[in-house]
Protein backbone atom coordinates (compact mmCIF):
# COMPACT_ATOMS: atom_id res chain seq x y z
CA MET A 1 82.16 102.02 127.52
CA GLY A 2 80.55 105.72 126.44
CA THR A 3 77.50 106.32 124.42
CA PRO A 4 76.97 105.50 120.59
CA ALA A 5 77.42 109.20 119.94
CA ALA A 6 80.63 109.41 122.06
CA ARG A 7 81.86 106.20 120.66
CA SER A 8 80.82 107.35 116.94
CA ALA A 9 82.67 110.72 117.59
CA ASP A 10 86.15 108.84 119.08
CA SER A 11 85.55 107.08 115.28
CA ASP A 12 85.60 110.18 113.07
CA THR A 13 88.69 111.94 115.10
CA ALA A 14 90.76 108.77 114.81
CA MET A 15 90.17 107.95 111.83
CA PRO A 16 92.07 110.95 110.21
CA ALA A 17 94.67 110.60 112.38
CA ALA A 18 95.21 107.04 111.75
CA ARG A 19 95.11 108.09 108.16
CA ALA A 20 97.69 110.42 108.40
CA SER A 21 100.04 107.92 110.34
CA SER A 22 100.08 105.45 107.61
CA ARG A 23 101.27 108.26 104.69
CA GLY A 24 104.96 108.02 105.56
CA PRO A 25 105.04 104.25 105.84
CA LEU A 26 103.07 103.69 102.73
CA ALA A 27 105.02 105.85 101.36
CA SER A 28 108.19 104.05 101.95
CA LEU A 29 106.52 100.94 100.90
CA CYS A 30 105.61 102.55 97.55
CA LEU A 31 109.24 103.29 96.74
CA ALA A 32 110.55 99.84 97.63
CA MET A 33 107.49 98.25 95.11
CA LEU A 34 108.59 101.19 92.67
CA LEU A 35 112.55 100.16 93.26
CA SER A 36 112.10 96.53 92.32
CA SER A 37 109.74 97.22 89.31
CA LEU A 38 112.38 99.60 88.27
CA GLY A 39 115.11 96.83 88.58
CA THR A 40 113.55 94.57 86.45
CA SER A 41 112.02 96.36 83.52
CA SER A 42 114.47 99.03 82.96
CA ALA A 43 118.00 96.99 82.43
CA ASN A 44 116.31 95.27 79.29
CA VAL A 45 116.76 98.40 77.36
CA GLY A 46 120.43 98.66 78.24
CA LEU A 47 121.55 95.19 77.10
CA PRO A 48 122.66 96.25 73.39
CA ALA A 49 124.60 99.30 74.86
CA ILE A 50 126.32 97.17 77.90
CA ALA A 51 127.24 94.07 74.91
CA GLN A 52 129.10 96.88 73.11
CA ALA A 53 130.98 98.41 75.99
CA PHE A 54 132.13 94.96 77.19
CA ALA A 55 132.31 93.78 73.92
CA ALA A 56 129.93 90.90 75.01
CA SER A 57 127.95 88.60 73.12
CA PHE A 58 123.79 89.05 73.70
CA GLN A 59 123.74 85.47 75.39
CA ALA A 60 126.27 86.79 77.76
CA VAL A 61 124.73 90.32 78.37
CA GLN A 62 121.39 88.52 79.18
CA TRP A 63 122.53 87.55 82.35
CA ILE A 64 122.14 90.77 83.85
CA VAL A 65 118.38 90.25 83.57
CA LEU A 66 118.45 86.50 84.55
CA ALA A 67 120.67 86.94 87.75
CA TYR A 68 118.06 89.64 88.99
CA LEU A 69 115.36 87.42 87.97
CA VAL A 70 116.81 84.20 89.19
CA ALA A 71 118.02 85.71 92.46
CA THR A 72 114.26 87.33 93.09
CA THR A 73 112.54 84.14 92.54
CA SER A 74 114.76 81.73 94.43
CA LEU A 75 114.88 83.52 97.81
CA ILE A 76 111.45 85.76 98.16
CA VAL A 77 110.24 83.16 100.11
CA SER A 78 113.25 82.71 102.54
CA VAL A 79 113.60 86.27 103.09
CA GLY A 80 109.87 86.94 103.88
CA ARG A 81 110.30 84.12 106.50
CA LEU A 82 113.34 85.83 107.94
CA GLY A 83 111.40 89.17 108.34
CA ASP A 84 108.78 86.89 110.30
CA ILE A 85 111.67 85.91 112.67
CA LEU A 86 113.50 89.23 112.66
CA GLY A 87 111.06 91.94 112.25
CA ARG A 88 110.21 92.91 109.23
CA ARG A 89 111.30 96.63 109.41
CA ARG A 90 114.84 96.07 109.93
CA LEU A 91 114.89 93.69 107.15
CA MET A 92 113.54 95.94 105.01
CA LEU A 93 116.15 98.56 106.23
CA THR A 94 118.55 96.17 105.44
CA GLY A 95 116.94 95.32 101.78
CA LEU A 96 116.57 99.23 100.85
CA SER A 97 120.06 99.42 101.81
CA LEU A 98 121.34 95.94 99.99
CA PHE A 99 119.53 97.39 96.77
CA ALA A 100 121.34 101.13 96.98
CA THR A 101 124.72 99.53 97.36
CA ALA A 102 123.94 96.90 94.71
CA SER A 103 123.21 99.36 92.19
CA LEU A 104 126.16 101.37 92.61
CA LEU A 105 128.15 98.75 92.53
CA CYS A 106 126.24 97.79 88.88
CA GLY A 107 127.39 101.30 87.90
CA ILE A 108 130.69 101.71 88.10
CA ALA A 109 131.23 97.59 87.45
CA PRO A 110 134.68 97.18 85.48
CA THR A 111 133.51 94.33 84.19
CA LEU A 112 130.75 91.92 82.84
CA GLY A 113 131.14 89.83 85.45
CA LEU A 114 131.22 92.14 88.30
CA LEU A 115 128.16 93.70 86.89
CA ILE A 116 126.24 90.31 86.74
CA ALA A 117 127.22 89.32 90.39
CA ALA A 118 125.99 92.86 91.58
CA ARG A 119 122.30 92.52 89.84
CA ALA A 120 122.50 89.24 91.89
CA ALA A 121 122.77 90.88 94.87
CA GLN A 122 120.39 93.81 93.49
CA GLY A 123 118.16 91.00 93.41
CA LEU A 124 118.15 89.94 96.66
CA GLY A 125 117.48 93.46 97.80
CA ALA A 126 114.41 93.82 95.41
CA ALA A 127 113.32 90.05 97.05
CA ILE A 128 113.38 91.65 100.80
CA MET A 129 111.53 94.53 99.59
CA MET A 130 108.55 93.08 97.40
CA ALA A 131 108.12 89.86 100.33
CA LEU A 132 107.69 93.01 102.92
CA ALA A 133 106.21 95.56 101.55
CA MET A 134 102.62 93.48 101.11
CA ALA A 135 103.47 92.07 104.45
CA MET A 136 103.88 95.11 106.28
CA VAL A 137 100.82 96.39 105.02
CA GLY A 138 98.53 94.93 107.58
CA GLY A 139 100.49 96.37 110.75
CA ILE A 140 99.98 99.80 108.91
CA VAL A 141 96.33 100.19 107.71
CA PRO A 142 93.07 99.26 109.23
CA GLN A 143 91.81 95.78 107.66
CA SER A 144 88.75 97.84 106.03
CA LYS A 145 91.40 99.61 104.20
CA THR A 146 93.81 96.70 103.01
CA GLY A 147 92.49 96.38 99.88
CA SER A 148 93.33 100.41 99.35
CA ALA A 149 96.79 100.00 100.31
CA MET A 150 97.33 96.83 98.18
CA GLY A 151 96.16 98.75 95.13
CA LEU A 152 98.50 101.48 95.60
CA LEU A 153 101.41 99.25 95.86
CA GLY A 154 100.22 97.28 92.51
CA THR A 155 100.24 101.07 91.13
CA MET A 156 103.70 101.53 91.86
CA SER A 157 104.49 98.68 90.53
CA ALA A 158 103.10 99.04 87.77
CA ILE A 159 104.30 102.71 86.99
CA GLY A 160 107.87 101.24 87.92
CA THR A 161 107.19 98.71 84.60
CA ALA A 162 105.82 101.11 82.15
CA LEU A 163 108.25 103.73 83.44
CA GLY A 164 111.22 101.66 83.43
CA PRO A 165 112.06 101.56 79.41
CA SER A 166 111.33 104.83 78.45
CA LEU A 167 113.59 106.06 81.80
CA GLY A 168 116.24 103.62 80.71
CA GLY A 169 116.07 105.00 77.49
CA MET A 170 116.52 108.35 78.14
CA LEU A 171 119.16 108.26 80.32
CA ILE A 172 121.26 106.02 78.17
CA ALA A 173 120.89 108.69 75.20
CA ALA A 174 121.80 111.28 77.87
CA SER A 175 124.14 109.69 80.15
CA GLY A 176 125.22 106.13 79.30
CA TRP A 177 123.96 103.14 80.40
CA ARG A 178 125.61 103.48 83.72
CA TRP A 179 123.08 105.48 84.56
CA ILE A 180 119.92 103.37 84.70
CA PHE A 181 121.49 101.61 87.75
CA LEU A 182 122.70 104.49 89.38
CA VAL A 183 119.70 106.26 89.05
CA ASN A 184 118.24 103.89 91.82
CA VAL A 185 120.69 105.23 94.27
CA PRO A 186 119.48 108.13 95.56
CA ILE A 187 115.90 106.68 95.33
CA ALA A 188 116.80 103.86 97.44
CA LEU A 189 118.34 106.31 99.92
CA VAL A 190 115.17 108.31 100.47
CA ALA A 191 113.07 105.26 100.58
CA ALA A 192 115.45 104.02 103.68
CA VAL A 193 115.30 107.08 105.45
CA LEU A 194 111.94 107.47 105.23
CA ALA A 195 111.49 103.52 106.27
CA GLY A 196 113.62 104.13 109.35
CA ARG A 197 111.59 107.19 110.30
CA SER A 198 108.11 106.00 109.90
CA LEU A 199 107.92 102.02 109.62
CA PRO A 200 106.78 100.96 113.08
CA ASP A 201 108.78 98.60 115.08
CA ASP A 202 107.69 95.51 114.74
CA ARG A 203 109.83 93.45 116.61
CA ALA A 204 107.04 92.39 119.05
CA ASP A 205 105.37 90.78 116.36
CA ALA A 206 108.29 88.79 115.76
CA GLN A 207 108.37 85.18 116.56
CA THR A 208 109.57 84.88 120.13
CA GLY A 209 109.11 80.66 120.79
CA ASN A 210 111.07 78.94 118.02
CA ARG A 211 113.29 81.46 115.84
CA ALA A 212 115.26 79.15 114.19
CA PHE A 213 115.73 79.34 110.78
CA ASP A 214 115.46 76.51 108.74
CA ARG A 215 118.73 76.09 106.62
CA ILE A 216 118.15 73.01 104.91
CA GLY A 217 115.03 74.12 103.77
CA THR A 218 116.30 77.62 102.51
CA LEU A 219 118.92 75.71 100.51
CA LEU A 220 116.80 73.36 98.72
CA LEU A 221 114.12 75.75 97.72
CA VAL A 222 116.56 78.25 96.75
CA LEU A 223 118.54 75.76 94.58
CA THR A 224 115.21 74.14 93.48
CA LEU A 225 113.37 77.52 92.59
CA GLY A 226 116.52 78.90 91.18
CA ALA A 227 117.14 75.41 88.69
CA TYR A 228 113.59 76.02 87.40
CA ALA A 229 113.90 79.65 86.82
CA LEU A 230 117.23 78.97 84.89
CA ALA A 231 115.32 75.92 83.09
CA MET A 232 112.63 78.55 81.85
CA THR A 233 114.54 81.52 80.99
CA THR A 234 117.90 80.36 78.92
CA GLY A 235 116.02 78.10 76.95
CA HIS A 236 113.85 80.62 74.95
CA GLY A 237 111.03 78.51 74.62
CA GLN A 238 113.06 75.41 73.32
CA ILE A 239 113.69 72.19 75.65
CA GLY A 240 117.27 70.86 75.12
CA PRO A 241 119.81 68.73 77.24
CA LEU A 242 120.76 71.92 79.45
CA ASN A 243 116.81 72.43 80.05
CA ALA A 244 115.91 68.94 80.87
CA MET A 245 118.46 68.50 83.53
CA LEU A 246 117.70 71.56 85.17
CA LEU A 247 114.03 70.70 85.35
CA LEU A 248 115.05 67.33 86.71
CA GLY A 249 117.16 69.21 89.11
CA ALA A 250 113.80 71.52 90.32
CA GLY A 251 111.59 68.12 90.45
CA VAL A 252 114.12 66.34 92.67
CA GLY A 253 114.85 69.42 94.55
CA GLY A 254 111.04 69.91 95.39
CA ALA A 255 110.83 66.50 96.39
CA LEU A 256 113.01 66.70 99.06
CA PHE A 257 112.49 70.14 99.86
CA VAL A 258 108.58 68.45 100.97
CA HIS A 259 110.40 65.42 102.32
CA VAL A 260 112.62 67.61 104.85
CA GLU A 261 109.75 69.79 106.04
CA LYS A 262 107.83 67.03 106.75
CA LYS A 263 110.47 65.99 109.40
CA ILE A 264 112.21 69.17 110.72
CA ALA A 265 111.24 70.59 114.07
CA ALA A 266 111.15 74.64 112.87
CA PRO A 267 110.09 74.22 109.08
CA LEU A 268 110.19 76.98 106.44
CA ILE A 269 107.37 76.13 105.23
CA ARG A 270 104.43 74.68 107.13
CA LEU A 271 103.21 72.09 104.82
CA ASP A 272 99.71 72.29 106.38
CA LEU A 273 99.84 75.65 105.36
CA PHE A 274 98.31 74.49 102.07
CA ARG A 275 95.38 72.89 103.24
CA ASP A 276 93.70 76.11 103.09
CA ARG A 277 92.25 76.27 99.94
CA VAL A 278 92.09 80.17 100.05
CA LEU A 279 95.78 80.19 100.10
CA ARG A 280 96.00 76.99 97.32
CA SER A 281 93.61 78.78 95.24
CA ALA A 282 95.35 82.36 95.76
CA LEU A 283 98.84 80.79 94.79
CA ALA A 284 97.53 78.65 91.74
CA THR A 285 95.49 81.50 90.11
CA ASN A 286 98.25 84.05 90.82
CA ALA A 287 100.67 81.82 88.94
CA ILE A 288 98.52 81.58 86.12
CA VAL A 289 97.62 85.00 85.63
CA ALA A 290 101.11 86.10 85.63
CA THR A 291 101.88 83.78 83.02
CA VAL A 292 99.21 85.35 80.91
CA MET A 293 100.26 88.90 81.64
CA MET A 294 104.06 87.99 80.58
CA MET A 295 102.73 86.24 77.71
CA THR A 296 101.41 89.68 76.61
CA LEU A 297 104.66 91.31 77.11
CA VAL A 298 106.54 88.58 74.77
CA VAL A 299 103.70 88.35 72.02
CA GLY A 300 103.10 92.07 71.98
CA PRO A 301 106.04 93.75 70.14
CA PHE A 302 106.07 90.83 67.59
CA HIS A 303 102.40 91.65 66.76
CA LEU A 304 103.43 95.34 66.52
CA ALA A 305 106.22 95.06 64.41
CA ARG A 306 105.47 92.39 61.90
CA ALA A 307 101.45 91.94 62.03
CA LEU A 308 100.33 96.29 62.42
CA ARG A 309 104.02 97.03 60.91
CA LEU A 310 104.61 99.71 63.71
CA ASP A 311 107.77 101.29 64.17
CA ALA A 312 110.03 100.86 67.34
CA ALA A 313 108.63 104.56 68.88
CA ALA A 314 105.21 103.52 67.98
CA ILE A 315 105.56 99.92 69.85
CA GLY A 316 107.07 101.41 72.48
CA LEU A 317 103.91 103.81 73.00
CA VAL A 318 101.17 101.58 72.33
CA MET A 319 103.31 98.73 75.07
CA SER A 320 103.00 101.50 77.29
CA ALA A 321 99.05 101.87 77.24
CA GLY A 322 98.52 98.59 79.14
CA PRO A 323 100.82 99.48 82.71
CA LEU A 324 99.65 103.05 82.32
CA ALA A 325 95.98 101.33 82.35
CA ALA A 326 97.13 99.02 85.51
CA ALA A 327 98.57 102.34 87.22
CA LEU A 328 95.53 104.23 86.99
CA ALA A 329 93.41 101.38 87.80
CA GLY A 330 94.96 100.08 91.00
CA VAL A 331 93.76 102.56 93.70
CA PRO A 332 89.73 102.53 92.23
CA ALA A 333 90.37 98.67 92.10
CA GLY A 334 91.59 98.73 95.81
CA HIS A 335 88.49 100.89 96.82
CA LEU A 336 86.14 98.26 95.12
CA VAL A 337 87.93 95.37 96.85
CA ASP A 338 87.31 97.22 100.18
CA ARG A 339 83.43 98.06 99.47
CA HIS A 340 82.15 94.67 97.53
CA GLY A 341 84.54 92.10 98.87
CA ALA A 342 88.28 90.56 97.70
CA ARG A 343 86.45 87.18 96.12
CA ARG A 344 83.96 89.09 94.56
CA MET A 345 86.46 91.65 93.10
CA ALA A 346 88.84 88.73 92.20
CA LEU A 347 86.43 87.31 90.05
CA ALA A 348 85.53 90.01 88.23
CA GLY A 349 89.10 90.79 86.99
CA LEU A 350 89.51 87.16 85.85
CA ILE A 351 86.35 87.76 84.28
CA GLY A 352 87.54 90.82 82.32
CA MET A 353 90.90 89.11 81.92
CA ALA A 354 89.35 86.09 80.03
CA SER A 355 86.81 88.09 77.99
CA ALA A 356 89.57 90.86 76.41
CA CYS A 357 91.87 87.77 75.58
CA LEU A 358 89.28 85.92 73.93
CA ALA A 359 88.57 89.36 72.00
CA LEU A 360 92.09 89.61 71.27
CA SER A 361 92.09 85.92 69.94
CA LEU A 362 89.51 86.54 67.39
CA ILE A 363 89.81 90.17 66.19
CA PRO A 364 91.88 90.26 62.85
CA ALA A 365 94.71 92.22 62.38
CA THR A 366 92.76 94.64 60.22
CA ALA A 367 91.15 96.27 63.39
CA GLY A 368 94.26 97.78 63.62
CA ILE A 369 96.23 99.59 66.90
CA ALA A 370 92.73 100.21 68.15
CA GLY A 371 91.86 96.63 67.70
CA TYR A 372 94.43 95.88 69.88
CA VAL A 373 94.76 98.33 72.63
CA ALA A 374 91.45 98.35 73.45
CA PRO A 375 91.08 94.54 74.88
CA MET A 376 94.70 94.99 76.36
CA VAL A 377 93.39 97.76 78.59
CA VAL A 378 90.84 95.72 79.73
CA VAL A 379 93.44 92.73 80.15
CA THR A 380 95.49 95.01 82.47
CA ILE A 381 92.67 96.45 84.13
CA GLY A 382 91.65 93.13 84.98
CA TYR A 383 94.84 92.41 86.10
CA ALA A 384 94.88 95.27 88.52
CA VAL A 385 91.54 94.50 90.28
CA PHE A 386 92.38 90.75 90.59
CA GLN A 387 96.16 91.69 92.34
CA ALA A 388 94.55 94.16 94.72
CA ALA A 389 91.57 91.35 95.60
CA ASN A 390 93.71 88.29 95.71
CA THR A 391 96.25 89.69 97.88
CA THR A 392 93.56 91.15 99.93
CA ALA A 393 92.04 88.12 100.10
CA VAL A 394 94.92 86.12 101.44
CA MET A 395 97.01 88.92 103.59
CA SER A 396 93.89 90.63 105.40
CA GLY A 397 93.56 86.88 107.32
CA VAL A 398 97.15 86.22 108.04
CA ASP A 399 98.65 86.01 111.84
CA ALA A 400 101.39 88.47 112.15
CA GLY A 401 103.95 86.04 112.52
CA GLN A 402 102.95 84.40 109.19
CA ARG A 403 102.63 87.87 106.78
CA GLY A 404 106.29 87.92 105.62
CA LEU A 405 105.86 83.96 104.70
CA ILE A 406 102.79 84.07 102.93
CA SER A 407 103.65 87.32 101.27
CA GLY A 408 106.45 85.59 100.01
CA LEU A 409 104.83 82.75 98.82
CA LEU A 410 102.55 85.01 96.85
CA ASN A 411 105.29 86.70 95.59
CA MET A 412 107.18 83.35 94.46
CA SER A 413 103.71 82.19 92.13
CA ARG A 414 103.88 85.70 90.65
CA ASN A 415 107.56 85.34 89.67
CA LEU A 416 107.31 81.44 88.62
CA GLY A 417 104.25 82.56 86.65
CA LEU A 418 106.20 85.36 84.80
CA VAL A 419 109.47 82.94 83.99
CA SER A 420 107.08 79.91 82.82
CA GLY A 421 105.10 82.38 80.78
CA ALA A 422 108.03 83.97 78.80
CA SER A 423 109.21 80.44 78.17
CA LEU A 424 106.10 78.42 77.93
CA MET A 425 103.73 80.70 76.25
CA GLY A 426 106.67 82.07 73.97
CA ALA A 427 106.79 78.87 72.55
CA VAL A 428 103.32 78.55 72.01
CA PHE A 429 103.50 81.98 69.93
CA ALA A 430 106.44 80.81 67.81
CA LEU A 431 104.76 77.09 67.43
CA ALA A 432 101.31 78.91 66.23
CA ALA A 433 103.60 81.25 64.16
CA GLY A 434 105.46 78.70 61.90
CA THR A 435 109.07 79.94 62.46
CA GLY A 436 111.63 79.98 64.82
CA ASP A 437 112.74 83.24 63.42
CA LEU A 438 109.67 85.70 64.41
CA ALA A 439 112.09 89.36 63.85
CA SER A 440 111.53 88.61 60.29
CA ALA A 441 108.22 86.40 59.92
CA LEU A 442 105.22 87.33 57.56
CA ALA A 443 102.21 89.33 59.07
CA PRO A 444 99.52 86.67 58.28
CA ALA A 445 102.13 84.02 60.25
CA VAL A 446 102.54 86.71 63.58
CA ASP A 447 98.91 87.48 63.42
CA GLN A 448 97.80 83.61 63.62
CA GLY A 449 100.73 83.24 65.99
CA THR A 450 99.19 86.15 68.47
CA LYS A 451 95.50 84.86 67.88
CA THR A 452 96.35 81.13 69.26
CA ALA A 453 98.39 82.66 72.32
CA PHE A 454 95.45 84.65 73.26
CA ALA A 455 93.30 81.65 72.52
CA VAL A 456 95.36 79.76 75.35
CA ALA A 457 95.32 82.42 77.13
CA THR A 458 91.76 82.87 77.72
CA GLY A 459 91.67 78.93 78.21
CA LEU A 460 94.04 79.27 81.29
CA ILE A 461 92.22 82.22 83.00
CA VAL A 462 88.94 80.46 82.62
CA VAL A 463 91.02 77.23 84.45
CA ALA A 464 92.10 80.33 86.98
CA ILE A 465 88.18 81.05 87.08
CA ALA A 466 87.06 77.58 87.78
CA ILE A 467 89.77 77.31 90.67
CA ALA A 468 88.71 80.70 92.28
CA ARG A 469 85.05 79.69 92.29
CA GLY A 470 85.75 76.14 94.01
CA ALA A 471 88.18 77.52 97.18
CA ARG A 472 85.37 77.59 99.82
CA LYS A 473 85.68 80.61 102.15
CA GLY A 474 88.69 79.38 104.65
CA ARG A 475 88.64 83.35 105.54
CA HIS A 476 85.97 85.54 105.50
CA ASP A 477 86.14 88.80 103.54
CA PRO A 478 86.54 92.04 104.81
CA ALA A 479 83.11 93.12 105.52
CA PRO A 480 82.35 95.95 102.86
CA ILE A 481 82.36 99.60 103.92
CA PRO A 482 78.51 100.59 103.62
CA ALA A 483 77.96 102.97 100.76
């Protein structure tokens, strides 16, 4: 056993060693998160150039974005579960290799169809990286440092989101649109080499009892999530016959999925997981917050261009303020979670978001750029705090054999919120503005649409606060670190 002083000395010497041993693995996971967010944000800026290169319509090239988003959303739970069964290190290396290969194929694609197919493969690689990056944190850092690690991953995701449009624009101007995909290849290869050398072998954590993979449940879930994502993204906020059919298909698929999961011996998702109110609360609030954050990305450019009359360069600069604030706040947010507890900091983040959204629903356009940027910075900092806390609250108490699945569920709820925010909140904005042609709408109409959208966002965050407060402690927060 040893004396208390000896144990303290052992702890003091062990902590730097543990910290050093986690740097390589964390660096590889950070690169994986950076790549997945770059893959989402950089492609949008290249759509006009790609449409011109292939003489294609905007509706056709939009599938470059949709293929990635639908693949990521529909497959992320399944690949998380597969990591639990096969071992997450092995699958992470596969995901990085697939992302690198698909990025190369995107960059050399001779036709639009092959480019879209390669983007779907890239989305599968991104799904693996996103699901497993959070799942592997628990095996790399001590539980008392989980919040800091989650904050660091959130920072890298925010950096990728902020960097994507500007990096893509520079690459297109200097070398052409193909380089927005080719630039991912060396980064992915570096991440794969680093992951291969540093990530711990977790095959011992893989489930050794029943290693069966639920193929029927996986297929039903992929089809259900894919149908919902397509319904939300192809209608541009309008519900037509195709969208209605897709939503109906998603509903039927969801019902069939639940039926199959109740009957099968080794389900993809054990439905009794949802008896845990902490997990239910985390998934619901995650989806709501993602819906609001996507709304800010949809509303922001129109408000800045039409209500504040900024040019494209100024819009890009102002829009980067939010992701930059999230990137800077990610690591400090993680430290706050470790010190004060996940549930408390999750509520603090939500309250900050609600307050800032309320301010944006009331501040007049005459307040100018400062009147928009200051509350948006608060929104994104609140989001960074919430993300670090919410993820820590769930992942810190998950059994090793379930980390991939739970991480996949968290990422799925986030992606569903993103696609819902782009469609539904975009529709709210357009309806309040009183026009479907937002590009030429008058400033007062756009300002009214912005205020209404942020008022609805405030209401959504208030709902999220109520859900978070109502959840019982199914698992205890990690003990706060003494000052």
